[in-house]
Amino acid sequence: MLTSIRGLSAATLSAGLLFAAAPAFAEEAKTESTAEEAVVLDTASLRAAQPVDEARSSNMAEDSEISFSANVALTSEYRFRGVDLSGGEIAIQGGFDLGHSSGLYVGTWASSLDEQTVGYGSTELDLYAGWSGDLTDGLSADVGAIVYIYPDAGPGDFDYYEFYGSLSASIGPASVTGGFAYAPDQDSLGSTDNLYFYTDVGVAIPDTPITINGHVGYTDGFLTFTNNSKAWDYSIGADFAVGPATLTAAYVGVEGDAAIDPLGTFTDDAFVLTLSASF
C-alpha cells in the first residue's frame, strides 16, 4: 500500500494540449499519519512568462528556425491529476518554451504550492525537453522527459523525473489526445515507480470562442491516495478564449481513501477557475 502523490497540467492540462505530463506532483503520506503530514511532490498546468520581444523573436526565427512561446496563469486551485496542491488557495503559474522547426523543444514551468499541507516547500519548478510534430494529416505526436524540482523543500529526496508520450487527432471541431507518463524507480518515489494513462477530448463550438473539454486519467503505482495504489481522476469543463487570454472553468475529481486522506485535503472534488494567457 502506497500513499504518495505528485501534482503538470495539466495540472492536468486542457484537452488537446500536448504537454500532458507537464505539471506533476509527488507526496508520501503514510496511513498512520494525518493528511497534513503527507508529503506531496507535485505536472499541466499552463506555461507562462513575460512576452518576448516580437521583432527579436522574429529575426531569430528567420535566422535560426528557433521560436519562443510563453504563458501565465492564475488559478483558484492548483490541481494535478485531480489532486489539490495549493491547499484550496489561489496559485500563480508560469513558464516558457524554446522550439526548433524540427519539432525539438525545451521548456520550463513553475507553480506556487501550499507549504503547510503539501510539505515540499512553496514552489514547484519543472524542466522538460522533447519532440512534437505531425505524423500524418490530422495526427500528431509528442514525446519527452520532465524533471520535477522543489527548490525550497526541506531535507530529503523530493525531486523526480518522468517520461511521457501522447498522440493527438483532430476531426473537424473535435480533438482527442491519449497519452501516458512513466516515472521509473526513484528514492523520492519510495524506491518504486508510477504509471499514468489519460485521455483528453475537446470539442469547439462552431462560431463561438468556447471549447468543451473532458479528461479521464488512471494512476497505477506510488502516486495515489488509495489503499491499492490505483486511482482514477477526471474533469469536465469549458474554455472561453479571447485573443491571447483564456478563461477555463472545470469540475475536477480524483479517487482517495478516507484512511489516507481523512479530511479530503487533497482529494475532495472541486470547481476550479483558471485565467491564463499565451504569447
C-alpha atoms as a PDB file:
ATOM      1  CA  MET A   1       0.000   0.000   0.000  1.00  0.00           C
ATOM      2  CA  LEU A   2       1.474   3.320  -1.104  1.00  0.00           C
ATOM      3  CA  THR A   3       0.306   6.718  -0.052  1.00  0.00           C
ATOM      4  CA  SER A   4       2.224   9.275  -2.083  1.00  0.00           C
ATOM      5  CA  ILE A   5       1.127  11.568  -4.865  1.00  0.00           C
ATOM      6  CA  ARG A   6       2.515  14.301  -7.026  1.00  0.00           C
ATOM      7  CA  GLY A   7       0.839  17.036  -8.911  1.00  0.00           C
ATOM      8  CA  LEU A   8       1.804  19.147 -14.971  1.00  0.00           C
ATOM      9  CA  SER A   9      -1.450  20.415 -16.410  1.00  0.00           C
ATOM     10  CA  ALA A  10      -2.481  19.725 -16.599  1.00  0.00           C
ATOM     11  CA  ALA A  11      -2.387  20.405 -13.731  1.00  0.00           C
ATOM     12  CA  THR A  12      -3.666  18.351 -15.781  1.00  0.00           C
ATOM     13  CA  LEU A  13      -3.683  20.308 -18.979  1.00  0.00           C
ATOM     14  CA  SER A  14      -6.732  21.240 -21.044  1.00  0.00           C
ATOM     15  CA  ALA A  15      -7.954  18.670 -23.567  1.00  0.00           C
ATOM     16  CA  GLY A  16      -5.958  18.650 -26.757  1.00  0.00           C
ATOM     17  CA  LEU A  17      -2.781  20.121 -25.264  1.00  0.00           C
ATOM     18  CA  LEU A  18       0.281  18.002 -25.875  1.00  0.00           C
ATOM     19  CA  PHE A  19       2.155  18.501 -22.605  1.00  0.00           C
ATOM     20  CA  ALA A  20       0.002  16.186 -20.507  1.00  0.00           C
ATOM     21  CA  ALA A  21       2.778  15.307 -18.144  1.00  0.00           C
ATOM     22  CA  ALA A  22       3.749  18.832 -17.549  1.00  0.00           C
ATOM     23  CA  PRO A  23       2.684  19.851 -14.418  1.00  0.00           C
ATOM     24  CA  ALA A  24       3.384  16.792 -11.946  1.00  0.00           C
ATOM     25  CA  PHE A  25       3.440  16.031  -8.218  1.00  0.00           C
ATOM     26  CA  ALA A  26       4.713  13.658  -5.560  1.00  0.00           C
ATOM     27  CA  GLU A  27       3.788  13.073  -1.973  1.00  0.00           C
ATOM     28  CA  GLU A  28       4.460  10.486   0.616  1.00  0.00           C
ATOM     29  CA  ALA A  29       1.541  10.101   3.007  1.00  0.00           C
ATOM     30  CA  LYS A  30       1.642   7.179   5.397  1.00  0.00           C
ATOM     31  CA  THR A  31      -1.624   5.618   6.514  1.00  0.00           C
ATOM     32  CA  GLU A  32      -0.772   6.095  10.127  1.00  0.00           C
ATOM     33  CA  SER A  33      -0.138   9.816   9.653  1.00  0.00           C
ATOM     34  CA  THR A  34      -2.607  12.622   9.146  1.00  0.00           C
ATOM     35  CA  ALA A  35      -3.196  14.250   5.791  1.00  0.00           C
ATOM     36  CA  GLU A  36      -1.303  17.316   6.953  1.00  0.00           C
ATOM     37  CA  GLU A  37       1.784  15.143   7.417  1.00  0.00           C
ATOM     38  CA  ALA A  38       1.510  13.824   3.887  1.00  0.00           C
ATOM     39  CA  VAL A  39       4.402  14.657   1.625  1.00  0.00           C
ATOM     40  CA  VAL A  40       3.260  15.801  -1.762  1.00  0.00           C
ATOM     41  CA  LEU A  41       5.500  16.352  -4.739  1.00  0.00           C
ATOM     42  CA  ASP A  42       3.949  17.902  -7.479  1.00  0.00           C
ATOM     43  CA  THR A  43       2.646  18.095 -13.562  1.00  0.00           C
ATOM     44  CA  ALA A  44      -0.256  20.694 -16.580  1.00  0.00           C
ATOM     45  CA  SER A  45      -0.738  23.238 -15.975  1.00  0.00           C
ATOM     46  CA  LEU A  46      -0.261  26.253 -18.148  1.00  0.00           C
ATOM     47  CA  ARG A  47       3.200  27.527 -19.100  1.00  0.00           C
ATOM     48  CA  ALA A  48       3.875  31.214 -18.545  1.00  0.00           C
ATOM     49  CA  ALA A  49       6.416  34.031 -18.694  1.00  0.00           C
ATOM     50  CA  GLN A  50       6.816  37.628 -19.793  1.00  0.00           C
ATOM     51  CA  PRO A  51       6.233  38.231 -23.528  1.00  0.00           C
ATOM     52  CA  VAL A  52       9.406  38.121 -25.610  1.00  0.00           C
ATOM     53  CA  ASP A  53      10.377  40.946 -27.899  1.00  0.00           C
ATOM     54  CA  GLU A  54       8.471  40.182 -31.127  1.00  0.00           C
ATOM     55  CA  ALA A  55      10.974  41.762 -33.501  1.00  0.00           C
ATOM     56  CA  ARG A  56      13.901  39.960 -31.887  1.00  0.00           C
ATOM     57  CA  SER A  57      11.968  36.694 -31.823  1.00  0.00           C
ATOM     58  CA  SER A  58      11.017  37.061 -35.490  1.00  0.00           C
ATOM     59  CA  ASN A  59      14.610  37.750 -36.540  1.00  0.00           C
ATOM     60  CA  MET A  60      15.878  34.766 -34.554  1.00  0.00           C
ATOM     61  CA  ALA A  61      13.199  32.562 -36.064  1.00  0.00           C
ATOM     62  CA  GLU A  62      14.251  33.578 -39.594  1.00  0.00           C
ATOM     63  CA  ASP A  63      17.946  33.138 -38.885  1.00  0.00           C
ATOM     64  CA  SER A  64      17.961  30.021 -36.715  1.00  0.00           C
ATOM     65  CA  GLU A  65      14.472  28.458 -37.104  1.00  0.00           C
ATOM     66  CA  ILE A  66      14.028  28.917 -33.348  1.00  0.00           C
ATOM     67  CA  SER A  67      10.795  30.164 -31.804  1.00  0.00           C
ATOM     68  CA  PHE A  68       9.700  31.229 -28.316  1.00  0.00           C
ATOM     69  CA  SER A  69       6.363  30.885 -26.579  1.00  0.00           C
ATOM     70  CA  ALA A  70       5.242  31.721 -23.087  1.00  0.00           C
ATOM     71  CA  ASN A  71       2.167  31.883 -20.889  1.00  0.00           C
ATOM     72  CA  VAL A  72       0.975  32.849 -17.440  1.00  0.00           C
ATOM     73  CA  ALA A  73      -1.933  31.636 -15.315  1.00  0.00           C
ATOM     74  CA  LEU A  74      -3.832  32.438 -12.147  1.00  0.00           C
ATOM     75  CA  THR A  75      -5.898  29.502 -10.863  1.00  0.00           C
ATOM     76  CA  SER A  76      -8.258  29.126  -7.923  1.00  0.00           C
ATOM     77  CA  GLU A  77      -6.536  25.812  -7.049  1.00  0.00           C
ATOM     78  CA  TYR A  78      -3.502  24.019  -8.404  1.00  0.00           C
ATOM     79  CA  ARG A  79      -4.821  20.593  -9.361  1.00  0.00           C
ATOM     80  CA  PHE A  80      -2.514  17.941 -10.787  1.00  0.00           C
ATOM     81  CA  ARG A  81      -4.137  14.717 -11.904  1.00  0.00           C
ATOM     82  CA  GLY A  82      -7.074  15.686  -9.744  1.00  0.00           C
ATOM     83  CA  VAL A  83      -5.065  16.329  -6.573  1.00  0.00           C
ATOM     84  CA  ASP A  84      -5.067  19.715  -4.809  1.00  0.00           C
ATOM     85  CA  LEU A  85      -1.523  21.013  -4.332  1.00  0.00           C
ATOM     86  CA  SER A  86      -2.317  24.561  -3.246  1.00  0.00           C
ATOM     87  CA  GLY A  87      -4.391  23.864  -0.135  1.00  0.00           C
ATOM     88  CA  GLY A  88      -7.560  25.153  -1.785  1.00  0.00           C
ATOM     89  CA  GLU A  89      -5.903  28.541  -2.309  1.00  0.00           C
ATOM     90  CA  ILE A  90      -5.042  30.552  -5.414  1.00  0.00           C
ATOM     91  CA  ALA A  91      -1.873  29.509  -7.265  1.00  0.00           C
ATOM     92  CA  ILE A  92       0.313  31.542  -9.617  1.00  0.00           C
ATOM     93  CA  GLN A  93       1.899  29.656 -12.510  1.00  0.00           C
ATOM     94  CA  GLY A  94       4.139  30.429 -15.452  1.00  0.00           C
ATOM     95  CA  GLY A  95       6.767  29.220 -17.867  1.00  0.00           C
ATOM     96  CA  PHE A  96       8.178  29.403 -21.378  1.00  0.00           C
ATOM     97  CA  ASP A  97       9.243  27.165 -24.261  1.00  0.00           C
ATOM     98  CA  LEU A  98      12.017  27.269 -26.829  1.00  0.00           C
ATOM     99  CA  GLY A  99      11.252  25.329 -30.004  1.00  0.00           C
ATOM    100  CA  HIS A 100      13.005  24.402 -33.222  1.00  0.00           C
ATOM    101  CA  SER A 101      11.442  23.907 -36.649  1.00  0.00           C
ATOM    102  CA  SER A 102      12.486  20.233 -36.455  1.00  0.00           C
ATOM    103  CA  GLY A 103       9.967  19.751 -33.639  1.00  0.00           C
ATOM    104  CA  LEU A 104      12.500  19.625 -30.820  1.00  0.00           C
ATOM    105  CA  TYR A 105      11.733  21.777 -27.786  1.00  0.00           C
ATOM    106  CA  VAL A 106      12.875  22.591 -24.256  1.00  0.00           C
ATOM    107  CA  GLY A 107      10.994  24.496 -21.609  1.00  0.00           C
ATOM    108  CA  THR A 108      10.337  25.285 -18.010  1.00  0.00           C
ATOM    109  CA  TRP A 109       7.227  25.826 -15.883  1.00  0.00           C
ATOM    110  CA  ALA A 110       6.653  26.779 -12.256  1.00  0.00           C
ATOM    111  CA  SER A 111       3.790  26.954  -9.779  1.00  0.00           C
ATOM    112  CA  SER A 112       3.258  28.083  -6.230  1.00  0.00           C
ATOM    113  CA  LEU A 113       2.446  25.323  -3.704  1.00  0.00           C
ATOM    114  CA  ASP A 114       0.888  25.273  -0.259  1.00  0.00           C
ATOM    115  CA  GLU A 115       3.730  24.738   2.214  1.00  0.00           C
ATOM    116  CA  GLN A 116       1.513  23.742   5.133  1.00  0.00           C
ATOM    117  CA  THR A 117      -0.329  20.805   3.548  1.00  0.00           C
ATOM    118  CA  VAL A 118       1.906  19.741   0.662  1.00  0.00           C
ATOM    119  CA  GLY A 119       5.144  19.772   2.645  1.00  0.00           C
ATOM    120  CA  TYR A 120       7.508  20.264  -0.293  1.00  0.00           C
ATOM    121  CA  GLY A 121       8.197  23.948   0.014  1.00  0.00           C
ATOM    122  CA  SER A 122       6.428  26.832  -1.678  1.00  0.00           C
ATOM    123  CA  THR A 123       7.476  26.262  -5.289  1.00  0.00           C
ATOM    124  CA  GLU A 124       7.456  23.566  -7.953  1.00  0.00           C
ATOM    125  CA  LEU A 125       9.832  24.003 -10.907  1.00  0.00           C
ATOM    126  CA  ASP A 126       9.538  21.712 -13.949  1.00  0.00           C
ATOM    127  CA  LEU A 127      12.184  21.320 -16.643  1.00  0.00           C
ATOM    128  CA  TYR A 128      11.332  19.355 -19.777  1.00  0.00           C
ATOM    129  CA  ALA A 129      12.528  18.537 -23.282  1.00  0.00           C
ATOM    130  CA  GLY A 130      11.117  16.535 -26.155  1.00  0.00           C
ATOM    131  CA  TRP A 131       9.835  16.403 -29.719  1.00  0.00           C
ATOM    132  CA  SER A 132       6.398  17.138 -31.114  1.00  0.00           C
ATOM    133  CA  GLY A 133       5.120  17.190 -34.666  1.00  0.00           C
ATOM    134  CA  ASP A 134       2.694  15.882 -37.248  1.00  0.00           C
ATOM    135  CA  LEU A 135       2.812  12.203 -38.185  1.00  0.00           C
ATOM    136  CA  THR A 136       0.062  12.428 -40.817  1.00  0.00           C
ATOM    137  CA  ASP A 137      -2.628  14.935 -41.689  1.00  0.00           C
ATOM    138  CA  GLY A 138      -4.688  15.362 -38.519  1.00  0.00           C
ATOM    139  CA  LEU A 139      -2.450  13.148 -36.352  1.00  0.00           C
ATOM    140  CA  SER A 140       0.395  14.470 -34.183  1.00  0.00           C
ATOM    141  CA  ALA A 141       2.720  13.080 -31.520  1.00  0.00           C
ATOM    142  CA  ASP A 142       4.613  14.402 -28.503  1.00  0.00           C
ATOM    143  CA  VAL A 143       7.358  12.546 -26.605  1.00  0.00           C
ATOM    144  CA  GLY A 144       9.802  13.735 -23.981  1.00  0.00           C
ATOM    145  CA  ALA A 145      11.052  13.780 -20.420  1.00  0.00           C
ATOM    146  CA  ILE A 146      10.363  16.074 -17.475  1.00  0.00           C
ATOM    147  CA  VAL A 147      12.057  16.712 -14.131  1.00  0.00           C
ATOM    148  CA  TYR A 148      10.079  17.987 -11.125  1.00  0.00           C
ATOM    149  CA  ILE A 149      12.172  20.116  -8.774  1.00  0.00           C
ATOM    150  CA  TYR A 150      11.279  21.555  -5.347  1.00  0.00           C
ATOM    151  CA  PRO A 151      13.980  24.185  -4.749  1.00  0.00           C
ATOM    152  CA  ASP A 152      12.965  25.244  -1.229  1.00  0.00           C
ATOM    153  CA  ALA A 153      11.892  21.854   0.130  1.00  0.00           C
ATOM    154  CA  GLY A 154      13.375  20.622   3.397  1.00  0.00           C
ATOM    155  CA  PRO A 155      15.954  17.845   3.823  1.00  0.00           C
ATOM    156  CA  GLY A 156      15.236  14.622   1.929  1.00  0.00           C
ATOM    157  CA  ASP A 157      14.702  13.276  -1.594  1.00  0.00           C
ATOM    158  CA  PHE A 158      11.851  15.147  -3.300  1.00  0.00           C
ATOM    159  CA  ASP A 159      12.783  15.729  -6.948  1.00  0.00           C
ATOM    160  CA  TYR A 160      11.939  13.107  -9.541  1.00  0.00           C
ATOM    161  CA  TYR A 161      11.782  12.602 -13.318  1.00  0.00           C
ATOM    162  CA  GLU A 162       9.206  11.165 -15.688  1.00  0.00           C
ATOM    163  CA  PHE A 163       8.964  10.156 -19.354  1.00  0.00           C
ATOM    164  CA  TYR A 164       5.844  10.974 -21.361  1.00  0.00           C
ATOM    165  CA  GLY A 165       4.248  10.466 -24.756  1.00  0.00           C
ATOM    166  CA  SER A 166       0.954  11.218 -26.472  1.00  0.00           C
ATOM    167  CA  LEU A 167      -0.943  11.027 -29.756  1.00  0.00           C
ATOM    168  CA  SER A 168      -3.465  13.675 -30.773  1.00  0.00           C
ATOM    169  CA  ALA A 169      -6.034  13.531 -33.580  1.00  0.00           C
ATOM    170  CA  SER A 170      -8.289  16.283 -34.914  1.00  0.00           C
ATOM    171  CA  ILE A 171     -11.551  15.756 -36.764  1.00  0.00           C
ATOM    172  CA  GLY A 172     -13.396  18.944 -37.589  1.00  0.00           C
ATOM    173  CA  PRO A 173     -14.012  20.892 -34.355  1.00  0.00           C
ATOM    174  CA  ALA A 174     -13.096  17.895 -32.155  1.00  0.00           C
ATOM    175  CA  SER A 175      -9.699  16.828 -30.854  1.00  0.00           C
ATOM    176  CA  VAL A 176      -8.727  13.678 -28.970  1.00  0.00           C
ATOM    177  CA  THR A 177      -5.470  13.052 -27.103  1.00  0.00           C
ATOM    178  CA  GLY A 178      -4.317   9.833 -25.493  1.00  0.00           C
ATOM    179  CA  GLY A 179      -1.077   9.539 -23.586  1.00  0.00           C
ATOM    180  CA  PHE A 180       0.985   8.197 -20.729  1.00  0.00           C
ATOM    181  CA  ALA A 181       3.604   9.300 -18.197  1.00  0.00           C
ATOM    182  CA  TYR A 182       6.020   6.882 -16.536  1.00  0.00           C
ATOM    183  CA  ALA A 183       8.252   7.592 -13.552  1.00  0.00           C
ATOM    184  CA  PRO A 184      10.859   4.820 -13.008  1.00  0.00           C
ATOM    185  CA  ASP A 185      12.021   3.631  -9.577  1.00  0.00           C
ATOM    186  CA  GLN A 186      13.477   6.546  -7.607  1.00  0.00           C
ATOM    187  CA  ASP A 187      14.278   7.266  -3.964  1.00  0.00           C
ATOM    188  CA  SER A 188      11.832  10.181  -3.961  1.00  0.00           C
ATOM    189  CA  LEU A 189       9.088   7.739  -5.016  1.00  0.00           C
ATOM    190  CA  GLY A 190       9.810   5.287  -2.213  1.00  0.00           C
ATOM    191  CA  SER A 191      12.145   3.203  -4.418  1.00  0.00           C
ATOM    192  CA  THR A 192       9.238   2.236  -6.644  1.00  0.00           C
ATOM    193  CA  ASP A 193       7.605   3.589  -9.828  1.00  0.00           C
ATOM    194  CA  ASN A 194       4.406   5.144 -11.145  1.00  0.00           C
ATOM    195  CA  LEU A 195       2.461   4.803 -14.414  1.00  0.00           C
ATOM    196  CA  TYR A 196      -0.224   7.225 -15.583  1.00  0.00           C
ATOM    197  CA  PHE A 197      -2.607   6.910 -18.572  1.00  0.00           C
ATOM    198  CA  TYR A 198      -5.033   9.573 -19.722  1.00  0.00           C
ATOM    199  CA  THR A 199      -7.458  10.640 -22.445  1.00  0.00           C
ATOM    200  CA  ASP A 200      -8.475  14.221 -23.224  1.00  0.00           C
ATOM    201  CA  VAL A 201     -11.323  15.268 -25.510  1.00  0.00           C
ATOM    202  CA  GLY A 202     -12.080  18.791 -26.704  1.00  0.00           C
ATOM    203  CA  VAL A 203     -14.950  19.997 -28.875  1.00  0.00           C
ATOM    204  CA  ALA A 204     -15.014  23.575 -30.152  1.00  0.00           C
ATOM    205  CA  ILE A 205     -18.495  25.047 -30.504  1.00  0.00           C
ATOM    206  CA  PRO A 206     -18.667  26.480 -34.051  1.00  0.00           C
ATOM    207  CA  ASP A 207     -18.773  30.279 -34.400  1.00  0.00           C
ATOM    208  CA  THR A 208     -18.037  30.781 -30.700  1.00  0.00           C
ATOM    209  CA  PRO A 209     -14.849  31.155 -28.592  1.00  0.00           C
ATOM    210  CA  ILE A 210     -15.956  28.217 -26.412  1.00  0.00           C
ATOM    211  CA  THR A 211     -14.441  24.732 -26.252  1.00  0.00           C
ATOM    212  CA  ILE A 212     -15.909  21.933 -24.128  1.00  0.00           C
ATOM    213  CA  ASN A 213     -13.251  19.694 -22.523  1.00  0.00           C
ATOM    214  CA  GLY A 214     -13.256  16.301 -20.843  1.00  0.00           C
ATOM    215  CA  HIS A 215     -10.456  14.357 -19.168  1.00  0.00           C
ATOM    216  CA  VAL A 216     -10.076  10.884 -17.652  1.00  0.00           C
ATOM    217  CA  GLY A 217      -6.840   9.608 -16.108  1.00  0.00           C
ATOM    218  CA  TYR A 218      -5.685   6.456 -14.345  1.00  0.00           C
ATOM    219  CA  THR A 219      -2.720   6.080 -11.980  1.00  0.00           C
ATOM    220  CA  ASP A 220      -1.114   2.740 -11.120  1.00  0.00           C
ATOM    221  CA  GLY A 221       1.780   2.992  -8.679  1.00  0.00           C
ATOM    222  CA  PHE A 222       3.246   5.158  -5.988  1.00  0.00           C
ATOM    223  CA  LEU A 223       1.472   8.450  -6.640  1.00  0.00           C
ATOM    224  CA  THR A 224      -2.013   7.810  -5.227  1.00  0.00           C
ATOM    225  CA  PHE A 225      -4.103   8.366  -2.108  1.00  0.00           C
ATOM    226  CA  THR A 226      -5.681   4.899  -2.254  1.00  0.00           C
ATOM    227  CA  ASN A 227      -5.003   1.679  -0.368  1.00  0.00           C
ATOM    228  CA  ASN A 228      -4.420  -0.356  -3.541  1.00  0.00           C
ATOM    229  CA  SER A 229      -2.148   2.239  -5.200  1.00  0.00           C
ATOM    230  CA  LYS A 230      -4.611   2.736  -8.081  1.00  0.00           C
ATOM    231  CA  ALA A 231      -6.754   5.798  -8.714  1.00  0.00           C
ATOM    232  CA  TRP A 232      -8.972   7.401 -11.367  1.00  0.00           C
ATOM    233  CA  ASP A 233      -9.160  11.153 -11.887  1.00  0.00           C
ATOM    234  CA  TYR A 234     -11.428  13.171 -14.134  1.00  0.00           C
ATOM    235  CA  SER A 235     -12.506  16.660 -15.118  1.00  0.00           C
ATOM    236  CA  ILE A 236     -15.133  18.281 -17.295  1.00  0.00           C
ATOM    237  CA  GLY A 237     -15.151  21.934 -18.180  1.00  0.00           C
ATOM    238  CA  ALA A 238     -15.087  24.676 -20.787  1.00  0.00           C
ATOM    239  CA  ASP A 239     -12.603  27.195 -22.196  1.00  0.00           C
ATOM    240  CA  PHE A 240     -13.580  30.718 -23.245  1.00  0.00           C
ATOM    241  CA  ALA A 241     -10.830  32.231 -25.393  1.00  0.00           C
ATOM    242  CA  VAL A 242     -10.458  35.902 -26.340  1.00  0.00           C
ATOM    243  CA  GLY A 243      -7.214  36.831 -28.073  1.00  0.00           C
ATOM    244  CA  PRO A 244      -4.268  35.529 -26.039  1.00  0.00           C
ATOM    245  CA  ALA A 245      -6.393  35.062 -22.902  1.00  0.00           C
ATOM    246  CA  THR A 246      -8.441  32.012 -21.895  1.00  0.00           C
ATOM    247  CA  LEU A 247     -10.843  31.574 -19.008  1.00  0.00           C
ATOM    248  CA  THR A 248     -11.289  27.920 -18.006  1.00  0.00           C
ATOM    249  CA  ALA A 249     -13.946  26.539 -15.674  1.00  0.00           C
ATOM    250  CA  ALA A 250     -13.746  22.858 -14.703  1.00  0.00           C
ATOM    251  CA  TYR A 251     -15.124  20.391 -12.196  1.00  0.00           C
ATOM    252  CA  VAL A 252     -12.265  18.145 -11.016  1.00  0.00           C
ATOM    253  CA  GLY A 253     -12.296  14.887  -9.064  1.00  0.00           C
ATOM    254  CA  VAL A 254      -9.929  12.088  -8.020  1.00  0.00           C
ATOM    255  CA  GLU A 255     -10.178   8.857  -6.041  1.00  0.00           C
ATOM    256  CA  GLY A 256      -8.965   8.860  -2.452  1.00  0.00           C
ATOM    257  CA  ASP A 257      -9.429   6.629   0.608  1.00  0.00           C
ATOM    258  CA  ALA A 258     -10.555   8.101   3.919  1.00  0.00           C
ATOM    259  CA  ALA A 259      -7.863   6.161   5.786  1.00  0.00           C
ATOM    260  CA  ILE A 260      -5.172   8.038   3.854  1.00  0.00           C
ATOM    261  CA  ASP A 261      -6.791  11.439   3.277  1.00  0.00           C
ATOM    262  CA  PRO A 262      -9.462  11.526   6.026  1.00  0.00           C
ATOM    263  CA  LEU A 263     -10.278  15.225   5.658  1.00  0.00           C
ATOM    264  CA  GLY A 264     -10.260  15.198   1.874  1.00  0.00           C
ATOM    265  CA  THR A 265      -7.461  17.757   1.957  1.00  0.00           C
ATOM    266  CA  PHE A 266      -6.026  16.570  -1.344  1.00  0.00           C
ATOM    267  CA  THR A 267      -8.797  14.508  -2.946  1.00  0.00           C
ATOM    268  CA  ASP A 268     -12.104  16.327  -2.443  1.00  0.00           C
ATOM    269  CA  ASP A 269     -13.849  17.243  -5.696  1.00  0.00           C
ATOM    270  CA  ALA A 270     -13.644  20.932  -6.611  1.00  0.00           C
ATOM    271  CA  PHE A 271     -14.780  23.553  -9.094  1.00  0.00           C
ATOM    272  CA  VAL A 272     -11.655  25.260 -10.470  1.00  0.00           C
ATOM    273  CA  LEU A 273     -11.388  28.575 -12.333  1.00  0.00           C
ATOM    274  CA  THR A 274      -8.239  29.460 -14.294  1.00  0.00           C
ATOM    275  CA  LEU A 275      -7.355  32.637 -16.165  1.00  0.00           C
ATOM    276  CA  SER A 276      -4.407  32.171 -18.498  1.00  0.00           C
ATOM    277  CA  ALA A 277      -2.696  33.970 -21.354  1.00  0.00           C
ATOM    278  CA  SER A 278      -0.304  32.705 -24.036  1.00  0.00           C
ATOM    279  CA  PHE A 279       2.178  34.734 -26.029  1.00  0.00           C
END
